[in-house]
Amino acid sequence: MTGRGRELALLRFADALKETAATPGLRVHRSHWVADAHVESLKRDNGRLLILTRDGTKIPVSRSYAEDVRRRFT
């Protein structure tokens, strides 16, 4: 999602992450990356860690990324 709307980009996730190099953010799941400026808060739901974004989206955080997410956003 961008300021101009939604777009679908078909490329490998690793390649997409290289394109975000200039934007501060963090990979939080094997299929999710979030920009620092878009994070509103962290939440627990049934024991799972989630990121709440400024637009209300809930993004899951994998256990392998949870410590980095807590360190960065709390």
PDB file of N, CA and C in Angstrom:
ATOM      1  N   MET A   1       0.848  -1.170   0.000  1.00  0.00           N
ATOM      2  CA  MET A   1       0.000   0.000   0.000  1.00  0.00           C
ATOM      3  C   MET A   1       0.896   1.237   0.000  1.00  0.00           C
ATOM      4  N   THR A   2       0.563   2.156  -0.845  1.00  0.00           N
ATOM      5  CA  THR A   2       1.325   3.405  -0.928  1.00  0.00           C
ATOM      6  C   THR A   2       0.364   4.582  -0.768  1.00  0.00           C
ATOM      7  N   GLY A   3       0.902   5.758  -0.746  1.00  0.00           N
ATOM      8  CA  GLY A   3       0.079   6.948  -0.674  1.00  0.00           C
ATOM      9  C   GLY A   3      -0.785   7.128  -1.922  1.00  0.00           C
ATOM     10  N   ARG A   4      -0.426   6.412  -2.975  1.00  0.00           N
ATOM     11  CA  ARG A   4      -1.171   6.505  -4.233  1.00  0.00           C
ATOM     12  C   ARG A   4      -2.137   5.344  -4.434  1.00  0.00           C
ATOM     13  N   GLY A   5      -2.233   4.447  -3.448  1.00  0.00           N
ATOM     14  CA  GLY A   5      -3.151   3.308  -3.578  1.00  0.00           C
ATOM     15  C   GLY A   5      -2.440   1.977  -3.435  1.00  0.00           C
ATOM     16  N   ARG A   6      -3.116   0.932  -3.861  1.00  0.00           N
ATOM     17  CA  ARG A   6      -2.571  -0.420  -3.764  1.00  0.00           C
ATOM     18  C   ARG A   6      -2.070  -0.875  -5.122  1.00  0.00           C
ATOM     19  N   GLU A   7      -0.973  -1.603  -5.093  1.00  0.00           N
ATOM     20  CA  GLU A   7      -0.412  -2.185  -6.307  1.00  0.00           C
ATOM     21  C   GLU A   7       0.094  -3.574  -5.985  1.00  0.00           C
ATOM     22  N   LEU A   8       0.091  -4.449  -6.963  1.00  0.00           N
ATOM     23  CA  LEU A   8       0.614  -5.796  -6.814  1.00  0.00           C
ATOM     24  C   LEU A   8       1.930  -5.870  -7.568  1.00  0.00           C
ATOM     25  N   ALA A   9       2.986  -6.248  -6.864  1.00  0.00           N
ATOM     26  CA  ALA A   9       4.302  -6.387  -7.485  1.00  0.00           C
ATOM     27  C   ALA A   9       4.711  -7.851  -7.403  1.00  0.00           C
ATOM     28  N   LEU A  10       5.007  -8.433  -8.535  1.00  0.00           N
ATOM     29  CA  LEU A  10       5.398  -9.841  -8.567  1.00  0.00           C
ATOM     30  C   LEU A  10       6.913  -9.953  -8.685  1.00  0.00           C
ATOM     31  N   LEU A  11       7.547 -10.210  -7.566  1.00  0.00           N
ATOM     32  CA  LEU A  11       8.970 -10.461  -7.521  1.00  0.00           C
ATOM     33  C   LEU A  11       9.286 -11.203  -6.238  1.00  0.00           C
ATOM     34  N   ARG A  12      10.468 -11.767  -6.183  1.00  0.00           N
ATOM     35  CA  ARG A  12      10.857 -12.492  -4.971  1.00  0.00           C
ATOM     36  C   ARG A  12      10.911 -11.516  -3.799  1.00  0.00           C
ATOM     37  N   PHE A  13      10.523 -12.012  -2.622  1.00  0.00           N
ATOM     38  CA  PHE A  13      10.488 -11.153  -1.443  1.00  0.00           C
ATOM     39  C   PHE A  13      11.874 -10.591  -1.140  1.00  0.00           C
ATOM     40  N   ALA A  14      12.901 -11.403  -1.272  1.00  0.00           N
ATOM     41  CA  ALA A  14      14.272 -10.937  -1.019  1.00  0.00           C
ATOM     42  C   ALA A  14      14.626  -9.766  -1.934  1.00  0.00           C
ATOM     43  N   ASP A  15      14.196  -9.827  -3.191  1.00  0.00           N
ATOM     44  CA  ASP A  15      14.459  -8.726  -4.123  1.00  0.00           C
ATOM     45  C   ASP A  15      13.653  -7.488  -3.750  1.00  0.00           C
ATOM     46  N   ALA A  16      12.417  -7.699  -3.308  1.00  0.00           N
ATOM     47  CA  ALA A  16      11.584  -6.572  -2.879  1.00  0.00           C
ATOM     48  C   ALA A  16      12.218  -5.874  -1.676  1.00  0.00           C
ATOM     49  N   LEU A  17      12.778  -6.642  -0.751  1.00  0.00           N
ATOM     50  CA  LEU A  17      13.421  -6.042   0.422  1.00  0.00           C
ATOM     51  C   LEU A  17      14.609  -5.170   0.031  1.00  0.00           C
ATOM     52  N   LYS A  18      15.336  -5.561  -0.997  1.00  0.00           N
ATOM     53  CA  LYS A  18      16.461  -4.742  -1.467  1.00  0.00           C
ATOM     54  C   LYS A  18      15.972  -3.373  -1.941  1.00  0.00           C
ATOM     55  N   GLU A  19      14.769  -3.333  -2.498  1.00  0.00           N
ATOM     56  CA  GLU A  19      14.199  -2.080  -2.989  1.00  0.00           C
ATOM     57  C   GLU A  19      13.803  -1.132  -1.853  1.00  0.00           C
ATOM     58  N   THR A  20      13.667  -1.640  -0.635  1.00  0.00           N
ATOM     59  CA  THR A  20      13.259  -0.817   0.504  1.00  0.00           C
ATOM     60  C   THR A  20      14.450  -0.241   1.264  1.00  0.00           C
ATOM     61  N   ALA A  21      15.642  -0.446   0.783  1.00  0.00           N
ATOM     62  CA  ALA A  21      16.858  -0.076   1.514  1.00  0.00           C
ATOM     63  C   ALA A  21      16.864   1.359   2.034  1.00  0.00           C
ATOM     64  N   ALA A  22      16.278   2.287   1.308  1.00  0.00           N
ATOM     65  CA  ALA A  22      16.286   3.699   1.720  1.00  0.00           C
ATOM     66  C   ALA A  22      15.206   4.023   2.754  1.00  0.00           C
ATOM     67  N   THR A  23      14.288   3.098   2.983  1.00  0.00           N
ATOM     68  CA  THR A  23      13.176   3.327   3.911  1.00  0.00           C
ATOM     69  C   THR A  23      13.420   2.561   5.206  1.00  0.00           C
ATOM     70  N   PRO A  24      13.469   3.247   6.355  1.00  0.00           N
ATOM     71  CA  PRO A  24      13.657   2.534   7.620  1.00  0.00           C
ATOM     72  C   PRO A  24      12.479   1.596   7.884  1.00  0.00           C
ATOM     73  N   GLY A  25      12.795   0.352   8.155  1.00  0.00           N
ATOM     74  CA  GLY A  25      11.759  -0.635   8.433  1.00  0.00           C
ATOM     75  C   GLY A  25      12.378  -1.944   8.863  1.00  0.00           C
ATOM     76  N   LEU A  26      11.525  -2.947   9.017  1.00  0.00           N
ATOM     77  CA  LEU A  26      11.985  -4.215   9.569  1.00  0.00           C
ATOM     78  C   LEU A  26      11.174  -5.362   8.995  1.00  0.00           C
ATOM     79  N   ARG A  27      11.852  -6.439   8.672  1.00  0.00           N
ATOM     80  CA  ARG A  27      11.155  -7.666   8.306  1.00  0.00           C
ATOM     81  C   ARG A  27      10.622  -8.270   9.598  1.00  0.00           C
ATOM     82  N   VAL A  28       9.323  -8.596   9.617  1.00  0.00           N
ATOM     83  CA  VAL A  28       8.682  -9.054  10.842  1.00  0.00           C
ATOM     84  C   VAL A  28       8.090 -10.454  10.709  1.00  0.00           C
ATOM     85  N   HIS A  29       8.143 -10.994   9.505  1.00  0.00           N
ATOM     86  CA  HIS A  29       7.546 -12.302   9.215  1.00  0.00           C
ATOM     87  C   HIS A  29       8.185 -12.763   7.910  1.00  0.00           C
ATOM     88  N   ARG A  30       8.078 -14.029   7.591  1.00  0.00           N
ATOM     89  CA  ARG A  30       8.712 -14.470   6.342  1.00  0.00           C
ATOM     90  C   ARG A  30       8.088 -13.788   5.128  1.00  0.00           C
ATOM     91  N   SER A  31       6.877 -13.280   5.255  1.00  0.00           N
ATOM     92  CA  SER A  31       6.230 -12.621   4.122  1.00  0.00           C
ATOM     93  C   SER A  31       5.758 -11.197   4.427  1.00  0.00           C
ATOM     94  N   HIS A  32       6.322 -10.576   5.476  1.00  0.00           N
ATOM     95  CA  HIS A  32       5.905  -9.211   5.826  1.00  0.00           C
ATOM     96  C   HIS A  32       7.111  -8.355   6.213  1.00  0.00           C
ATOM     97  N   TRP A  33       7.123  -7.154   5.703  1.00  0.00           N
ATOM     98  CA  TRP A  33       8.071  -6.111   6.066  1.00  0.00           C
ATOM     99  C   TRP A  33       7.227  -4.889   6.378  1.00  0.00           C
ATOM    100  N   VAL A  34       7.613  -4.112   7.388  1.00  0.00           N
ATOM    101  CA  VAL A  34       6.829  -2.923   7.734  1.00  0.00           C
ATOM    102  C   VAL A  34       7.764  -1.726   7.895  1.00  0.00           C
ATOM    103  N   ALA A  35       7.333  -0.587   7.367  1.00  0.00           N
ATOM    104  CA  ALA A  35       8.086   0.656   7.508  1.00  0.00           C
ATOM    105  C   ALA A  35       7.920   1.173   8.935  1.00  0.00           C
ATOM    106  N   ASP A  36       9.007   1.633   9.533  1.00  0.00           N
ATOM    107  CA  ASP A  36       8.973   2.151  10.907  1.00  0.00           C
ATOM    108  C   ASP A  36       7.885   3.210  11.081  1.00  0.00           C
ATOM    109  N   ALA A  37       7.770   4.112  10.130  1.00  0.00           N
ATOM    110  CA  ALA A  37       6.822   5.233  10.243  1.00  0.00           C
ATOM    111  C   ALA A  37       5.367   4.781  10.206  1.00  0.00           C
ATOM    112  N   HIS A  38       5.112   3.565   9.768  1.00  0.00           N
ATOM    113  CA  HIS A  38       3.738   3.074   9.639  1.00  0.00           C
ATOM    114  C   HIS A  38       3.273   2.313  10.885  1.00  0.00           C
ATOM    115  N   VAL A  39       4.195   2.025  11.820  1.00  0.00           N
ATOM    116  CA  VAL A  39       3.854   1.256  13.024  1.00  0.00           C
ATOM    117  C   VAL A  39       3.188   2.162  14.055  1.00  0.00           C
ATOM    118  N   GLU A  40       1.996   1.762  14.490  1.00  0.00           N
ATOM    119  CA  GLU A  40       1.271   2.489  15.527  1.00  0.00           C
ATOM    120  C   GLU A  40       1.577   1.900  16.903  1.00  0.00           C
ATOM    121  N   SER A  41       1.473   0.567  17.031  1.00  0.00           N
ATOM    122  CA  SER A  41       1.713  -0.089  18.315  1.00  0.00           C
ATOM    123  C   SER A  41       1.853  -1.590  18.128  1.00  0.00           C
ATOM    124  N   LEU A  42       2.196  -2.262  19.222  1.00  0.00           N
ATOM    125  CA  LEU A  42       2.251  -3.733  19.256  1.00  0.00           C
ATOM    126  C   LEU A  42       1.074  -4.223  20.062  1.00  0.00           C
ATOM    127  N   LYS A  43       0.597  -5.422  19.732  1.00  0.00           N
ATOM    128  CA  LYS A  43      -0.552  -5.999  20.421  1.00  0.00           C
ATOM    129  C   LYS A  43      -0.364  -7.510  20.521  1.00  0.00           C
ATOM    130  N   ARG A  44      -0.911  -8.095  21.556  1.00  0.00           N
ATOM    131  CA  ARG A  44      -0.957  -9.551  21.688  1.00  0.00           C
ATOM    132  C   ARG A  44      -2.386 -10.000  21.457  1.00  0.00           C
ATOM    133  N   ASP A  45      -2.552 -11.063  20.687  1.00  0.00           N
ATOM    134  CA  ASP A  45      -3.864 -11.629  20.420  1.00  0.00           C
ATOM    135  C   ASP A  45      -3.727 -13.145  20.480  1.00  0.00           C
ATOM    136  N   ASN A  46      -4.357 -13.752  21.507  1.00  0.00           N
ATOM    137  CA  ASN A  46      -4.224 -15.199  21.731  1.00  0.00           C
ATOM    138  C   ASN A  46      -2.763 -15.631  21.805  1.00  0.00           C
ATOM    139  N   GLY A  47      -1.941 -14.810  22.458  1.00  0.00           N
ATOM    140  CA  GLY A  47      -0.531 -15.137  22.645  1.00  0.00           C
ATOM    141  C   GLY A  47       0.362 -14.795  21.469  1.00  0.00           C
ATOM    142  N   ARG A  48      -0.206 -14.336  20.365  1.00  0.00           N
ATOM    143  CA  ARG A  48       0.577 -13.996  19.180  1.00  0.00           C
ATOM    144  C   ARG A  48       0.846 -12.496  19.144  1.00  0.00           C
ATOM    145  N   LEU A  49       2.040 -12.147  18.775  1.00  0.00           N
ATOM    146  CA  LEU A  49       2.421 -10.742  18.662  1.00  0.00           C
ATOM    147  C   LEU A  49       1.988 -10.201  17.302  1.00  0.00           C
ATOM    148  N   LEU A  50       1.361  -9.027  17.325  1.00  0.00           N
ATOM    149  CA  LEU A  50       0.913  -8.359  16.101  1.00  0.00           C
ATOM    150  C   LEU A  50       1.403  -6.923  16.098  1.00  0.00           C
ATOM    151  N   ILE A  51       1.621  -6.386  14.921  1.00  0.00           N
ATOM    152  CA  ILE A  51       1.893  -4.961  14.757  1.00  0.00           C
ATOM    153  C   ILE A  51       0.604  -4.324  14.268  1.00  0.00           C
ATOM    154  N   LEU A  52       0.195  -3.260  14.933  1.00  0.00           N
ATOM    155  CA  LEU A  52      -0.942  -2.467  14.458  1.00  0.00           C
ATOM    156  C   LEU A  52      -0.366  -1.278  13.700  1.00  0.00           C
ATOM    157  N   THR A  53      -0.812  -1.111  12.473  1.00  0.00           N
ATOM    158  CA  THR A  53      -0.301  -0.009  11.657  1.00  0.00           C
ATOM    159  C   THR A  53      -1.222   1.205  11.774  1.00  0.00           C
ATOM    160  N   ARG A  54      -0.763   2.316  11.282  1.00  0.00           N
ATOM    161  CA  ARG A  54      -1.516   3.570  11.378  1.00  0.00           C
ATOM    162  C   ARG A  54      -2.859   3.506  10.645  1.00  0.00           C
ATOM    163  N   ASP A  55      -2.971   2.629   9.648  1.00  0.00           N
ATOM    164  CA  ASP A  55      -4.246   2.502   8.931  1.00  0.00           C
ATOM    165  C   ASP A  55      -5.126   1.384   9.496  1.00  0.00           C
ATOM    166  N   GLY A  56      -4.717   0.794  10.626  1.00  0.00           N
ATOM    167  CA  GLY A  56      -5.522  -0.228  11.286  1.00  0.00           C
ATOM    168  C   GLY A  56      -5.225  -1.665  10.890  1.00  0.00           C
ATOM    169  N   THR A  57      -4.305  -1.870   9.983  1.00  0.00           N
ATOM    170  CA  THR A  57      -3.931  -3.219   9.569  1.00  0.00           C
ATOM    171  C   THR A  57      -3.200  -3.931  10.703  1.00  0.00           C
ATOM    172  N   LYS A  58      -3.478  -5.216  10.866  1.00  0.00           N
ATOM    173  CA  LYS A  58      -2.782  -6.049  11.851  1.00  0.00           C
ATOM    174  C   LYS A  58      -1.809  -6.947  11.091  1.00  0.00           C
ATOM    175  N   ILE A  59      -0.534  -6.832  11.417  1.00  0.00           N
ATOM    176  CA  ILE A  59       0.501  -7.613  10.739  1.00  0.00           C
ATOM    177  C   ILE A  59       1.083  -8.621  11.735  1.00  0.00           C
ATOM    178  N   PRO A  60       1.076  -9.907  11.378  1.00  0.00           N
ATOM    179  CA  PRO A  60       1.614 -10.921  12.282  1.00  0.00           C
ATOM    180  C   PRO A  60       3.132 -10.810  12.391  1.00  0.00           C
ATOM    181  N   VAL A  61       3.645 -11.140  13.564  1.00  0.00           N
ATOM    182  CA  VAL A  61       5.087 -11.167  13.804  1.00  0.00           C
ATOM    183  C   VAL A  61       5.468 -12.604  14.105  1.00  0.00           C
ATOM    184  N   SER A  62       6.415 -13.168  13.343  1.00  0.00           N
ATOM    185  CA  SER A  62       6.863 -14.532  13.620  1.00  0.00           C
ATOM    186  C   SER A  62       7.720 -14.564  14.876  1.00  0.00           C
ATOM    187  N   ARG A  63       7.735 -15.712  15.494  1.00  0.00           N
ATOM    188  CA  ARG A  63       8.552 -15.872  16.717  1.00  0.00           C
ATOM    189  C   ARG A  63      10.007 -15.534  16.455  1.00  0.00           C
ATOM    190  N   SER A  64      10.515 -15.892  15.274  1.00  0.00           N
ATOM    191  CA  SER A  64      11.933 -15.638  14.989  1.00  0.00           C
ATOM    192  C   SER A  64      12.259 -14.146  14.873  1.00  0.00           C
ATOM    193  N   TYR A  65      11.264 -13.308  14.629  1.00  0.00           N
ATOM    194  CA  TYR A  65      11.481 -11.858  14.517  1.00  0.00           C
ATOM    195  C   TYR A  65      10.964 -11.086  15.737  1.00  0.00           C
ATOM    196  N   ALA A  66      10.314 -11.764  16.663  1.00  0.00           N
ATOM    197  CA  ALA A  66       9.633 -11.102  17.785  1.00  0.00           C
ATOM    198  C   ALA A  66      10.576 -10.259  18.642  1.00  0.00           C
ATOM    199  N   GLU A  67      11.741 -10.777  18.964  1.00  0.00           N
ATOM    200  CA  GLU A  67      12.667 -10.025  19.822  1.00  0.00           C
ATOM    201  C   GLU A  67      13.115  -8.732  19.134  1.00  0.00           C
ATOM    202  N   ASP A  68      13.447  -8.806  17.848  1.00  0.00           N
ATOM    203  CA  ASP A  68      13.852  -7.605  17.104  1.00  0.00           C
ATOM    204  C   ASP A  68      12.712  -6.589  17.049  1.00  0.00           C
ATOM    205  N   VAL A  69      11.491  -7.072  16.872  1.00  0.00           N
ATOM    206  CA  VAL A  69      10.321  -6.182  16.813  1.00  0.00           C
ATOM    207  C   VAL A  69      10.121  -5.492  18.160  1.00  0.00           C
ATOM    208  N   ARG A  70      10.177  -6.245  19.244  1.00  0.00           N
ATOM    209  CA  ARG A  70      10.010  -5.643  20.587  1.00  0.00           C
ATOM    210  C   ARG A  70      11.083  -4.603  20.850  1.00  0.00           C
ATOM    211  N   ARG A  71      12.322  -4.922  20.504  1.00  0.00           N
ATOM    212  CA  ARG A  71      13.434  -3.998  20.731  1.00  0.00           C
ATOM    213  C   ARG A  71      13.235  -2.704  19.934  1.00  0.00           C
ATOM    214  N   ARG A  72      12.746  -2.824  18.734  1.00  0.00           N
ATOM    215  CA  ARG A  72      12.628  -1.670  17.844  1.00  0.00           C
ATOM    216  C   ARG A  72      11.416  -0.797  18.132  1.00  0.00           C
ATOM    217  N   PHE A  73      10.296  -1.417  18.504  1.00  0.00           N
ATOM    218  CA  PHE A  73       9.045  -0.674  18.565  1.00  0.00           C
ATOM    219  C   PHE A  73       8.464  -0.506  19.973  1.00  0.00           C
ATOM    220  N   THR A  74       9.216  -0.836  21.008  1.00  0.00           N
ATOM    221  CA  THR A  74       8.709  -0.584  22.364  1.00  0.00           C
ATOM    222  C   THR A  74       9.636   0.333  23.108  1.00  0.00           C
TER     223      THR A  74
END
